[in-house]
């Protein structure tokens, strides 16, 4: 998998985690599948850790708090708004993207 396609898959997964999917939250699936995954960018890793540690499943609450949390982690200029602007993905698609990231060819 090329670095560009890996980065794009990561962005899709992170968007699904931030905004949710048409079928609801996928935090438990992501926690099980991506624990120990080595992210291509430090900002992606920080975002994943923030989302996983967030106490609420509300994307509105996450959207409100994400800029400050990313800034505290050293990423003040991360374009987090794009994560919430994407159309909601199907859960099955998001799970497939995670599988592609963690599969043997990744």
PDB file of N, CA and C in Angstrom:
ATOM      1  N   UNK A   1       0.853  -1.165   0.000  1.00  0.00           N
ATOM      2  CA  UNK A   1       0.000   0.000   0.000  1.00  0.00           C
ATOM      3  C   UNK A   1       0.905   1.235   0.000  1.00  0.00           C
ATOM      4  N   UNK A   2       0.568   2.181  -0.856  1.00  0.00           N
ATOM      5  CA  UNK A   2       1.368   3.402  -0.919  1.00  0.00           C
ATOM      6  C   UNK A   2       1.129   4.251   0.326  1.00  0.00           C
ATOM      7  N   UNK A   3       2.089   5.113   0.628  1.00  0.00           N
ATOM      8  CA  UNK A   3       1.964   5.995   1.792  1.00  0.00           C
ATOM      9  C   UNK A   3       0.753   6.909   1.643  1.00  0.00           C
ATOM     10  N   UNK A   4       0.492   7.360   0.423  1.00  0.00           N
ATOM     11  CA  UNK A   4      -0.651   8.254   0.188  1.00  0.00           C
ATOM     12  C   UNK A   4      -1.972   7.537   0.449  1.00  0.00           C
ATOM     13  N   UNK A   5      -2.108   6.298  -0.025  1.00  0.00           N
ATOM     14  CA  UNK A   5      -3.363   5.579   0.197  1.00  0.00           C
ATOM     15  C   UNK A   5      -3.514   5.204   1.677  1.00  0.00           C
ATOM     16  N   UNK A   6      -2.415   4.913   2.344  1.00  0.00           N
ATOM     17  CA  UNK A   6      -2.474   4.612   3.782  1.00  0.00           C
ATOM     18  C   UNK A   6      -2.937   5.846   4.560  1.00  0.00           C
ATOM     19  N   UNK A   7      -2.386   6.994   4.224  1.00  0.00           N
ATOM     20  CA  UNK A   7      -2.784   8.244   4.879  1.00  0.00           C
ATOM     21  C   UNK A   7      -4.258   8.535   4.631  1.00  0.00           C
ATOM     22  N   UNK A   8      -4.722   8.299   3.423  1.00  0.00           N
ATOM     23  CA  UNK A   8      -6.138   8.534   3.104  1.00  0.00           C
ATOM     24  C   UNK A   8      -7.044   7.563   3.865  1.00  0.00           C
ATOM     25  N   UNK A   9      -6.657   6.299   3.966  1.00  0.00           N
ATOM     26  CA  UNK A   9      -7.438   5.337   4.751  1.00  0.00           C
ATOM     27  C   UNK A   9      -7.497   5.749   6.215  1.00  0.00           C
ATOM     28  N   UNK A  10      -6.370   6.211   6.732  1.00  0.00           N
ATOM     29  CA  UNK A  10      -6.353   6.676   8.114  1.00  0.00           C
ATOM     30  C   UNK A  10      -7.324   7.845   8.302  1.00  0.00           C
ATOM     31  N   UNK A  11      -7.322   8.778   7.361  1.00  0.00           N
ATOM     32  CA  UNK A  11      -8.239   9.921   7.449  1.00  0.00           C
ATOM     33  C   UNK A  11      -9.695   9.460   7.416  1.00  0.00           C
ATOM     34  N   UNK A  12      -9.995   8.492   6.576  1.00  0.00           N
ATOM     35  CA  UNK A  12     -11.372   7.975   6.514  1.00  0.00           C
ATOM     36  C   UNK A  12     -11.785   7.338   7.837  1.00  0.00           C
ATOM     37  N   UNK A  13     -10.892   6.538   8.403  1.00  0.00           N
ATOM     38  CA  UNK A  13     -11.180   5.887   9.684  1.00  0.00           C
ATOM     39  C   UNK A  13     -11.362   6.935  10.772  1.00  0.00           C
ATOM     40  N   UNK A  14     -10.483   7.916  10.813  1.00  0.00           N
ATOM     41  CA  UNK A  14     -10.580   8.962  11.836  1.00  0.00           C
ATOM     42  C   UNK A  14     -11.862   9.774  11.675  1.00  0.00           C
ATOM     43  N   UNK A  15     -12.262  10.049  10.437  1.00  0.00           N
ATOM     44  CA  UNK A  15     -13.523  10.761  10.205  1.00  0.00           C
ATOM     45  C   UNK A  15     -14.696   9.937  10.710  1.00  0.00           C
ATOM     46  N   UNK A  16     -14.670   8.632  10.461  1.00  0.00           N
ATOM     47  CA  UNK A  16     -15.750   7.764  10.939  1.00  0.00           C
ATOM     48  C   UNK A  16     -15.772   7.716  12.464  1.00  0.00           C
ATOM     49  N   UNK A  17     -14.615   7.762  13.086  1.00  0.00           N
ATOM     50  CA  UNK A  17     -14.561   7.773  14.542  1.00  0.00           C
ATOM     51  C   UNK A  17     -15.076   9.094  15.112  1.00  0.00           C
ATOM     52  N   UNK A  18     -14.740  10.185  14.456  1.00  0.00           N
ATOM     53  CA  UNK A  18     -15.145  11.504  14.955  1.00  0.00           C
ATOM     54  C   UNK A  18     -16.625  11.774  14.725  1.00  0.00           C
ATOM     55  N   UNK A  19     -17.091  11.503  13.531  1.00  0.00           N
ATOM     56  CA  UNK A  19     -18.474  11.842  13.175  1.00  0.00           C
ATOM     57  C   UNK A  19     -19.440  10.683  13.392  1.00  0.00           C
ATOM     58  N   UNK A  20     -18.908   9.494  13.552  1.00  0.00           N
ATOM     59  CA  UNK A  20     -19.763   8.319  13.653  1.00  0.00           C
ATOM     60  C   UNK A  20     -20.020   7.741  12.266  1.00  0.00           C
ATOM     61  N   UNK A  21     -20.757   6.663  12.232  1.00  0.00           N
ATOM     62  CA  UNK A  21     -21.141   6.052  10.959  1.00  0.00           C
ATOM     63  C   UNK A  21     -22.663   6.047  10.894  1.00  0.00           C
ATOM     64  N   UNK A  22     -23.196   5.688   9.743  1.00  0.00           N
ATOM     65  CA  UNK A  22     -24.658   5.587   9.605  1.00  0.00           C
ATOM     66  C   UNK A  22     -25.230   4.576  10.592  1.00  0.00           C
ATOM     67  N   UNK A  23     -24.375   3.639  11.009  1.00  0.00           N
ATOM     68  CA  UNK A  23     -24.801   2.551  11.883  1.00  0.00           C
ATOM     69  C   UNK A  23     -24.361   2.761  13.331  1.00  0.00           C
ATOM     70  N   UNK A  24     -23.975   3.987  13.682  1.00  0.00           N
ATOM     71  CA  UNK A  24     -23.587   4.285  15.054  1.00  0.00           C
ATOM     72  C   UNK A  24     -22.087   4.301  15.267  1.00  0.00           C
ATOM     73  N   UNK A  25     -21.711   4.342  16.514  1.00  0.00           N
ATOM     74  CA  UNK A  25     -20.313   4.435  16.910  1.00  0.00           C
ATOM     75  C   UNK A  25     -19.549   3.158  16.558  1.00  0.00           C
ATOM     76  N   UNK A  26     -18.294   3.334  16.250  1.00  0.00           N
ATOM     77  CA  UNK A  26     -17.437   2.181  15.986  1.00  0.00           C
ATOM     78  C   UNK A  26     -16.211   2.191  16.896  1.00  0.00           C
ATOM     79  N   UNK A  27     -16.336   2.874  18.043  1.00  0.00           N
ATOM     80  CA  UNK A  27     -15.189   2.998  18.946  1.00  0.00           C
ATOM     81  C   UNK A  27     -14.680   1.652  19.447  1.00  0.00           C
ATOM     82  N   UNK A  28     -15.575   0.754  19.821  1.00  0.00           N
ATOM     83  CA  UNK A  28     -15.113  -0.539  20.334  1.00  0.00           C
ATOM     84  C   UNK A  28     -14.386  -1.335  19.260  1.00  0.00           C
ATOM     85  N   UNK A  29     -14.915  -1.319  18.045  1.00  0.00           N
ATOM     86  CA  UNK A  29     -14.253  -2.027  16.941  1.00  0.00           C
ATOM     87  C   UNK A  29     -12.889  -1.413  16.664  1.00  0.00           C
ATOM     88  N   UNK A  30     -12.815  -0.080  16.697  1.00  0.00           N
ATOM     89  CA  UNK A  30     -11.548   0.602  16.437  1.00  0.00           C
ATOM     90  C   UNK A  30     -10.542   0.309  17.549  1.00  0.00           C
ATOM     91  N   UNK A  31     -11.020   0.330  18.784  1.00  0.00           N
ATOM     92  CA  UNK A  31     -10.128   0.046  19.918  1.00  0.00           C
ATOM     93  C   UNK A  31      -9.537  -1.360  19.771  1.00  0.00           C
ATOM     94  N   UNK A  32     -10.363  -2.323  19.422  1.00  0.00           N
ATOM     95  CA  UNK A  32      -9.887  -3.704  19.280  1.00  0.00           C
ATOM     96  C   UNK A  32      -8.959  -3.856  18.079  1.00  0.00           C
ATOM     97  N   UNK A  33      -9.299  -3.200  16.987  1.00  0.00           N
ATOM     98  CA  UNK A  33      -8.564  -3.399  15.744  1.00  0.00           C
ATOM     99  C   UNK A  33      -7.290  -2.559  15.651  1.00  0.00           C
ATOM    100  N   UNK A  34      -7.321  -1.339  16.196  1.00  0.00           N
ATOM    101  CA  UNK A  34      -6.225  -0.405  15.971  1.00  0.00           C
ATOM    102  C   UNK A  34      -5.305  -0.215  17.174  1.00  0.00           C
ATOM    103  N   UNK A  35      -5.587  -0.911  18.262  1.00  0.00           N
ATOM    104  CA  UNK A  35      -4.689  -0.846  19.405  1.00  0.00           C
ATOM    105  C   UNK A  35      -3.323  -1.366  18.977  1.00  0.00           C
ATOM    106  N   UNK A  36      -2.302  -0.572  19.101  1.00  0.00           N
ATOM    107  CA  UNK A  36      -0.964  -0.968  18.678  1.00  0.00           C
ATOM    108  C   UNK A  36      -0.641  -0.645  17.228  1.00  0.00           C
ATOM    109  N   UNK A  37      -1.617  -0.157  16.475  1.00  0.00           N
ATOM    110  CA  UNK A  37      -1.370   0.232  15.086  1.00  0.00           C
ATOM    111  C   UNK A  37      -0.379   1.400  15.057  1.00  0.00           C
ATOM    112  N   UNK A  38       0.538   1.396  14.134  1.00  0.00           N
ATOM    113  CA  UNK A  38       1.510   2.475  13.984  1.00  0.00           C
ATOM    114  C   UNK A  38       1.005   3.421  12.898  1.00  0.00           C
ATOM    115  N   UNK A  39       0.559   4.600  13.325  1.00  0.00           N
ATOM    116  CA  UNK A  39      -0.027   5.591  12.424  1.00  0.00           C
ATOM    117  C   UNK A  39       1.059   6.231  11.571  1.00  0.00           C
ATOM    118  N   UNK A  40       0.693   6.622  10.356  1.00  0.00           N
ATOM    119  CA  UNK A  40       1.654   7.209   9.425  1.00  0.00           C
ATOM    120  C   UNK A  40       2.040   8.628   9.814  1.00  0.00           C
ATOM    121  N   UNK A  41       1.191   9.297  10.584  1.00  0.00           N
ATOM    122  CA  UNK A  41       1.468  10.665  11.013  1.00  0.00           C
ATOM    123  C   UNK A  41       1.205  10.779  12.516  1.00  0.00           C
ATOM    124  N   UNK A  42       2.053  11.538  13.184  1.00  0.00           N
ATOM    125  CA  UNK A  42       1.902  11.732  14.625  1.00  0.00           C
ATOM    126  C   UNK A  42       0.562  12.387  14.956  1.00  0.00           C
ATOM    127  N   UNK A  43       0.097  13.282  14.100  1.00  0.00           N
ATOM    128  CA  UNK A  43      -1.193  13.940  14.339  1.00  0.00           C
ATOM    129  C   UNK A  43      -2.334  12.926  14.289  1.00  0.00           C
ATOM    130  N   UNK A  44      -2.254  11.953  13.400  1.00  0.00           N
ATOM    131  CA  UNK A  44      -3.285  10.914  13.326  1.00  0.00           C
ATOM    132  C   UNK A  44      -3.292  10.074  14.600  1.00  0.00           C
ATOM    133  N   UNK A  45      -2.109   9.747  15.081  1.00  0.00           N
ATOM    134  CA  UNK A  45      -2.014   8.968  16.316  1.00  0.00           C
ATOM    135  C   UNK A  45      -2.601   9.749  17.489  1.00  0.00           C
ATOM    136  N   UNK A  46      -2.250  11.028  17.580  1.00  0.00           N
ATOM    137  CA  UNK A  46      -2.773  11.871  18.663  1.00  0.00           C
ATOM    138  C   UNK A  46      -4.289  11.963  18.579  1.00  0.00           C
ATOM    139  N   UNK A  47      -4.814  12.138  17.384  1.00  0.00           N
ATOM    140  CA  UNK A  47      -6.254  12.233  17.201  1.00  0.00           C
ATOM    141  C   UNK A  47      -6.945  10.937  17.613  1.00  0.00           C
ATOM    142  N   UNK A  48      -6.388   9.812  17.207  1.00  0.00           N
ATOM    143  CA  UNK A  48      -6.957   8.521  17.586  1.00  0.00           C
ATOM    144  C   UNK A  48      -6.981   8.374  19.110  1.00  0.00           C
ATOM    145  N   UNK A  49      -5.877   8.708  19.764  1.00  0.00           N
ATOM    146  CA  UNK A  49      -5.812   8.589  21.216  1.00  0.00           C
ATOM    147  C   UNK A  49      -6.828   9.506  21.900  1.00  0.00           C
ATOM    148  N   UNK A  50      -6.985  10.720  21.383  1.00  0.00           N
ATOM    149  CA  UNK A  50      -7.961  11.652  21.945  1.00  0.00           C
ATOM    150  C   UNK A  50      -9.367  11.090  21.801  1.00  0.00           C
ATOM    151  N   UNK A  51      -9.704  10.631  20.603  1.00  0.00           N
ATOM    152  CA  UNK A  51     -11.052  10.103  20.359  1.00  0.00           C
ATOM    153  C   UNK A  51     -11.311   8.885  21.238  1.00  0.00           C
ATOM    154  N   UNK A  52     -10.327   8.014  21.374  1.00  0.00           N
ATOM    155  CA  UNK A  52     -10.516   6.815  22.185  1.00  0.00           C
ATOM    156  C   UNK A  52     -10.661   7.143  23.669  1.00  0.00           C
ATOM    157  N   UNK A  53     -10.061   8.236  24.106  1.00  0.00           N
ATOM    158  CA  UNK A  53     -10.141   8.596  25.519  1.00  0.00           C
ATOM    159  C   UNK A  53     -11.330   9.496  25.826  1.00  0.00           C
ATOM    160  N   UNK A  54     -12.036   9.915  24.804  1.00  0.00           N
ATOM    161  CA  UNK A  54     -13.134  10.851  25.000  1.00  0.00           C
ATOM    162  C   UNK A  54     -14.286  10.139  25.698  1.00  0.00           C
ATOM    163  N   UNK A  55     -14.820  10.744  26.765  1.00  0.00           N
ATOM    164  CA  UNK A  55     -15.834  10.054  27.560  1.00  0.00           C
ATOM    165  C   UNK A  55     -17.225   9.991  26.938  1.00  0.00           C
ATOM    166  N   UNK A  56     -17.483  10.813  25.937  1.00  0.00           N
ATOM    167  CA  UNK A  56     -18.824  10.874  25.359  1.00  0.00           C
ATOM    168  C   UNK A  56     -18.816  10.374  23.930  1.00  0.00           C
ATOM    169  N   UNK A  57     -19.917   9.793  23.507  1.00  0.00           N
ATOM    170  CA  UNK A  57     -20.048   9.346  22.117  1.00  0.00           C
ATOM    171  C   UNK A  57     -20.566  10.463  21.223  1.00  0.00           C
ATOM    172  N   UNK A  58     -20.799  11.639  21.792  1.00  0.00           N
ATOM    173  CA  UNK A  58     -21.366  12.763  21.050  1.00  0.00           C
ATOM    174  C   UNK A  58     -20.328  13.390  20.134  1.00  0.00           C
ATOM    175  N   UNK A  59     -20.603  13.400  18.827  1.00  0.00           N
ATOM    176  CA  UNK A  59     -19.678  14.037  17.899  1.00  0.00           C
ATOM    177  C   UNK A  59     -19.673  15.549  18.087  1.00  0.00           C
ATOM    178  N   UNK A  60     -20.795  16.124  18.552  1.00  0.00           N
ATOM    179  CA  UNK A  60     -20.830  17.565  18.807  1.00  0.00           C
ATOM    180  C   UNK A  60     -19.895  17.939  19.947  1.00  0.00           C
ATOM    181  N   UNK A  61     -19.917  17.177  21.016  1.00  0.00           N
ATOM    182  CA  UNK A  61     -19.027  17.447  22.146  1.00  0.00           C
ATOM    183  C   UNK A  61     -17.571  17.261  21.734  1.00  0.00           C
ATOM    184  N   UNK A  62     -17.288  16.232  20.968  1.00  0.00           N
ATOM    185  CA  UNK A  62     -15.929  15.998  20.489  1.00  0.00           C
ATOM    186  C   UNK A  62     -15.483  17.160  19.609  1.00  0.00           C
ATOM    187  N   UNK A  63     -16.340  17.587  18.703  1.00  0.00           N
ATOM    188  CA  UNK A  63     -16.018  18.702  17.807  1.00  0.00           C
ATOM    189  C   UNK A  63     -15.681  19.955  18.615  1.00  0.00           C
ATOM    190  N   UNK A  64     -16.396  20.189  19.697  1.00  0.00           N
ATOM    191  CA  UNK A  64     -16.151  21.368  20.535  1.00  0.00           C
ATOM    192  C   UNK A  64     -14.813  21.291  21.265  1.00  0.00           C
ATOM    193  N   UNK A  65     -14.438  20.108  21.712  1.00  0.00           N
ATOM    194  CA  UNK A  65     -13.244  19.969  22.535  1.00  0.00           C
ATOM    195  C   UNK A  65     -11.984  19.575  21.769  1.00  0.00           C
ATOM    196  N   UNK A  66     -12.151  19.083  20.565  1.00  0.00           N
ATOM    197  CA  UNK A  66     -11.007  18.573  19.806  1.00  0.00           C
ATOM    198  C   UNK A  66      -9.931  19.621  19.534  1.00  0.00           C
ATOM    199  N   UNK A  67     -10.268  20.840  19.133  1.00  0.00           N
ATOM    200  CA  UNK A  67      -9.191  21.816  18.854  1.00  0.00           C
ATOM    201  C   UNK A  67      -8.266  22.036  20.062  1.00  0.00           C
ATOM    202  N   UNK A  68      -8.837  22.211  21.235  1.00  0.00           N
ATOM    203  CA  UNK A  68      -8.017  22.438  22.426  1.00  0.00           C
ATOM    204  C   UNK A  68      -7.177  21.210  22.751  1.00  0.00           C
ATOM    205  N   UNK A  69      -7.770  20.038  22.633  1.00  0.00           N
ATOM    206  CA  UNK A  69      -7.027  18.809  22.951  1.00  0.00           C
ATOM    207  C   UNK A  69      -5.899  18.564  21.955  1.00  0.00           C
ATOM    208  N   UNK A  70      -6.140  18.839  20.677  1.00  0.00           N
ATOM    209  CA  UNK A  70      -5.078  18.696  19.675  1.00  0.00           C
ATOM    210  C   UNK A  70      -3.979  19.723  19.902  1.00  0.00           C
ATOM    211  N   UNK A  71      -4.353  20.940  20.258  1.00  0.00           N
ATOM    212  CA  UNK A  71      -3.362  21.979  20.531  1.00  0.00           C
ATOM    213  C   UNK A  71      -2.478  21.577  21.703  1.00  0.00           C
ATOM    214  N   UNK A  72      -3.078  21.056  22.772  1.00  0.00           N
ATOM    215  CA  UNK A  72      -2.294  20.599  23.927  1.00  0.00           C
ATOM    216  C   UNK A  72      -1.353  19.464  23.561  1.00  0.00           C
ATOM    217  N   UNK A  73      -1.714  18.696  22.546  1.00  0.00           N
ATOM    218  CA  UNK A  73      -0.858  17.581  22.101  1.00  0.00           C
ATOM    219  C   UNK A  73       0.198  18.037  21.085  1.00  0.00           C
ATOM    220  N   UNK A  74       0.177  19.342  20.725  1.00  0.00           N
ATOM    221  CA  UNK A  74       1.200  19.873  19.826  1.00  0.00           C
ATOM    222  C   UNK A  74       0.772  20.009  18.377  1.00  0.00           C
ATOM    223  N   UNK A  75      -0.530  19.949  18.107  1.00  0.00           N
ATOM    224  CA  UNK A  75      -1.034  20.045  16.733  1.00  0.00           C
ATOM    225  C   UNK A  75      -2.080  21.148  16.618  1.00  0.00           C
ATOM    226  N   UNK A  76      -1.656  22.413  16.774  1.00  0.00           N
ATOM    227  CA  UNK A  76      -2.627  23.512  16.760  1.00  0.00           C
ATOM    228  C   UNK A  76      -3.238  23.792  15.392  1.00  0.00           C
ATOM    229  N   UNK A  77      -2.572  23.378  14.329  1.00  0.00           N
ATOM    230  CA  UNK A  77      -3.030  23.708  12.981  1.00  0.00           C
ATOM    231  C   UNK A  77      -3.678  22.542  12.250  1.00  0.00           C
ATOM    232  N   UNK A  78      -3.990  21.474  12.947  1.00  0.00           N
ATOM    233  CA  UNK A  78      -4.597  20.306  12.304  1.00  0.00           C
ATOM    234  C   UNK A  78      -6.000  20.648  11.829  1.00  0.00           C
ATOM    235  N   UNK A  79      -6.314  20.305  10.587  1.00  0.00           N
ATOM    236  CA  UNK A  79      -7.631  20.603  10.001  1.00  0.00           C
ATOM    237  C   UNK A  79      -8.641  19.557  10.451  1.00  0.00           C
ATOM    238  N   UNK A  80      -9.095  19.695  11.683  1.00  0.00           N
ATOM    239  CA  UNK A  80     -10.030  18.728  12.242  1.00  0.00           C
ATOM    240  C   UNK A  80     -11.432  18.892  11.661  1.00  0.00           C
ATOM    241  N   UNK A  81     -11.772  20.074  11.162  1.00  0.00           N
ATOM    242  CA  UNK A  81     -13.127  20.316  10.639  1.00  0.00           C
ATOM    243  C   UNK A  81     -13.453  19.373   9.488  1.00  0.00           C
ATOM    244  N   UNK A  82     -12.459  19.017   8.697  1.00  0.00           N
ATOM    245  CA  UNK A  82     -12.684  18.105   7.572  1.00  0.00           C
ATOM    246  C   UNK A  82     -13.150  16.730   8.047  1.00  0.00           C
ATOM    247  N   UNK A  83     -12.775  16.351   9.252  1.00  0.00           N
ATOM    248  CA  UNK A  83     -13.186  15.053   9.785  1.00  0.00           C
ATOM    249  C   UNK A  83     -14.689  14.994  10.025  1.00  0.00           C
ATOM    250  N   UNK A  84     -15.282  16.146  10.296  1.00  0.00           N
ATOM    251  CA  UNK A  84     -16.714  16.203  10.572  1.00  0.00           C
ATOM    252  C   UNK A  84     -17.520  16.590   9.336  1.00  0.00           C
ATOM    253  N   UNK A  85     -16.837  17.040   8.281  1.00  0.00           N
ATOM    254  CA  UNK A  85     -17.517  17.489   7.068  1.00  0.00           C
ATOM    255  C   UNK A  85     -17.795  16.339   6.102  1.00  0.00           C
ATOM    256  N   UNK A  86     -17.112  15.238   6.269  1.00  0.00           N
ATOM    257  CA  UNK A  86     -17.292  14.097   5.373  1.00  0.00           C
ATOM    258  C   UNK A  86     -18.674  13.489   5.571  1.00  0.00           C
ATOM    259  N   UNK A  87     -19.249  12.951   4.503  1.00  0.00           N
ATOM    260  CA  UNK A  87     -20.520  12.227   4.671  1.00  0.00           C
ATOM    261  C   UNK A  87     -20.303  11.017   5.583  1.00  0.00           C
ATOM    262  N   UNK A  88     -21.328  10.667   6.329  1.00  0.00           N
ATOM    263  CA  UNK A  88     -21.210   9.509   7.222  1.00  0.00           C
ATOM    264  C   UNK A  88     -20.960   8.245   6.411  1.00  0.00           C
ATOM    265  N   UNK A  89     -20.018   7.469   6.879  1.00  0.00           N
ATOM    266  CA  UNK A  89     -19.680   6.204   6.219  1.00  0.00           C
ATOM    267  C   UNK A  89     -20.564   5.094   6.771  1.00  0.00           C
ATOM    268  N   UNK A  90     -20.648   4.014   6.030  1.00  0.00           N
ATOM    269  CA  UNK A  90     -21.268   2.801   6.549  1.00  0.00           C
ATOM    270  C   UNK A  90     -20.268   2.132   7.487  1.00  0.00           C
ATOM    271  N   UNK A  91     -20.760   1.540   8.540  1.00  0.00           N
ATOM    272  CA  UNK A  91     -19.891   0.863   9.494  1.00  0.00           C
ATOM    273  C   UNK A  91     -19.063  -0.223   8.805  1.00  0.00           C
ATOM    274  N   UNK A  92     -19.678  -0.964   7.899  1.00  0.00           N
ATOM    275  CA  UNK A  92     -18.958  -2.029   7.200  1.00  0.00           C
ATOM    276  C   UNK A  92     -17.779  -1.463   6.404  1.00  0.00           C
ATOM    277  N   UNK A  93     -17.970  -0.297   5.787  1.00  0.00           N
ATOM    278  CA  UNK A  93     -16.869   0.336   5.057  1.00  0.00           C
ATOM    279  C   UNK A  93     -15.745   0.721   6.012  1.00  0.00           C
ATOM    280  N   UNK A  94     -16.117   1.334   7.139  1.00  0.00           N
ATOM    281  CA  UNK A  94     -15.109   1.750   8.117  1.00  0.00           C
ATOM    282  C   UNK A  94     -14.337   0.543   8.655  1.00  0.00           C
ATOM    283  N   UNK A  95     -15.029  -0.551   8.888  1.00  0.00           N
ATOM    284  CA  UNK A  95     -14.350  -1.757   9.368  1.00  0.00           C
ATOM    285  C   UNK A  95     -13.427  -2.325   8.294  1.00  0.00           C
ATOM    286  N   UNK A  96     -13.827  -2.226   7.041  1.00  0.00           N
ATOM    287  CA  UNK A  96     -12.972  -2.668   5.938  1.00  0.00           C
ATOM    288  C   UNK A  96     -11.720  -1.802   5.846  1.00  0.00           C
ATOM    289  N   UNK A  97     -11.865  -0.491   6.027  1.00  0.00           N
ATOM    290  CA  UNK A  97     -10.692   0.399   6.003  1.00  0.00           C
ATOM    291  C   UNK A  97      -9.722   0.050   7.118  1.00  0.00           C
ATOM    292  N   UNK A  98     -10.260  -0.256   8.303  1.00  0.00           N
ATOM    293  CA  UNK A  98      -9.388  -0.658   9.406  1.00  0.00           C
ATOM    294  C   UNK A  98      -8.678  -1.965   9.077  1.00  0.00           C
ATOM    295  N   UNK A  99      -9.391  -2.882   8.460  1.00  0.00           N
ATOM    296  CA  UNK A  99      -8.780  -4.160   8.080  1.00  0.00           C
ATOM    297  C   UNK A  99      -7.662  -3.949   7.065  1.00  0.00           C
ATOM    298  N   UNK A 100      -7.871  -3.037   6.142  1.00  0.00           N
ATOM    299  CA  UNK A 100      -6.834  -2.744   5.160  1.00  0.00           C
ATOM    300  C   UNK A 100      -5.597  -2.138   5.837  1.00  0.00           C
ATOM    301  N   UNK A 101      -5.818  -1.290   6.831  1.00  0.00           N
ATOM    302  CA  UNK A 101      -4.700  -0.681   7.536  1.00  0.00           C
ATOM    303  C   UNK A 101      -3.900  -1.696   8.334  1.00  0.00           C
ATOM    304  N   UNK A 102      -4.572  -2.669   8.904  1.00  0.00           N
ATOM    305  CA  UNK A 102      -3.894  -3.606   9.806  1.00  0.00           C
ATOM    306  C   UNK A 102      -3.619  -4.961   9.170  1.00  0.00           C
ATOM    307  N   UNK A 103      -4.028  -5.127   7.918  1.00  0.00           N
ATOM    308  CA  UNK A 103      -3.845  -6.408   7.243  1.00  0.00           C
ATOM    309  C   UNK A 103      -2.396  -6.719   6.936  1.00  0.00           C
ATOM    310  N   UNK A 104      -2.151  -7.903   6.431  1.00  0.00           N
ATOM    311  CA  UNK A 104      -0.769  -8.358   6.178  1.00  0.00           C
ATOM    312  C   UNK A 104      -0.046  -7.540   5.105  1.00  0.00           C
ATOM    313  N   UNK A 105      -0.787  -6.876   4.219  1.00  0.00           N
ATOM    314  CA  UNK A 105      -0.139  -6.111   3.152  1.00  0.00           C
ATOM    315  C   UNK A 105       0.123  -4.661   3.541  1.00  0.00           C
ATOM    316  N   UNK A 106      -0.223  -4.302   4.767  1.00  0.00           N
ATOM    317  CA  UNK A 106      -0.069  -2.892   5.165  1.00  0.00           C
ATOM    318  C   UNK A 106       1.357  -2.582   5.582  1.00  0.00           C
TER     319      UNK A 106
END
